[in-house]
């Protein structure tokens, strides 16, 4: 038995509901975590998604911005939508699947344009968000080494940590998403619960990998100035079960695409 878990910043679930259906049919994930759904729960397309086979849905949304959703073909044992930084801005959804795997879907703040928390409130928010969730996971230290601690963290983390995660390490060192202060915070988050980067475990640290290409590029594919902002991490108890990882680059070329593409991991369940 296998379990396919995908993450995708959809950049409006209602606008791109046809792309969700296409991905459902072609990639056949068992769990699909979406970010930037941009839909309040009262207008969320539950019926359309259930018609695609997504019988179990956890949506945490707000009007016009943010929003995270976990779609599953496997029943939920429990669900939660934690809030951070004293804001109700729909950036974290948690679902425990029947069988015990706990999935965390995050949309970490992008951080604006200036990588200085004193000059830029959005960047300060990003750093605070990372600090708060790092502290939260650290409190669960007792469970870290347990063979039963089966957790997956996915989402648009809005940080490309490695040189091989960006088109130009040198040119992006002072650009939000690849600055040393953000990378250090992401490293701390990863260490807070001994998370394993499933994508890098599978491909290795040197392979150039991107999951996002700006809309500003006239020809994104030829320019290929991408960043790997979308991540899938697993706890050590699941790391040995990672059998395949895919970054579905071709999705960026679909009609009216998101600027992000899906990332999918296949676990032996």
Foldseek 3Di string as FASTA:
>chain_A
DKAKEKEEAFQACVVVVVLVLVCCVPVVHQKYKYKFNQDCPVPDPPVSVVVSQQPEKDWQHDHRGIIMMMTHNFDFPDKDQDDPPPDSHHAWIWTAGVVGEIEIEGDQQLQDWFCDVVVGVSNVSRLRRLVVLLVVLLVVQVCLPPLRHKYKYWYQNNAFEACLQFPHLVVCCRTRRHDPVSNVSVVSSCVSRVKDFLVCVVVPRNHRDFFFFDPPDPDCVVVVGGGHRITMIIGPSFSVFFDDKDRCVCQCVDPPGDRGTMIMTMGDD
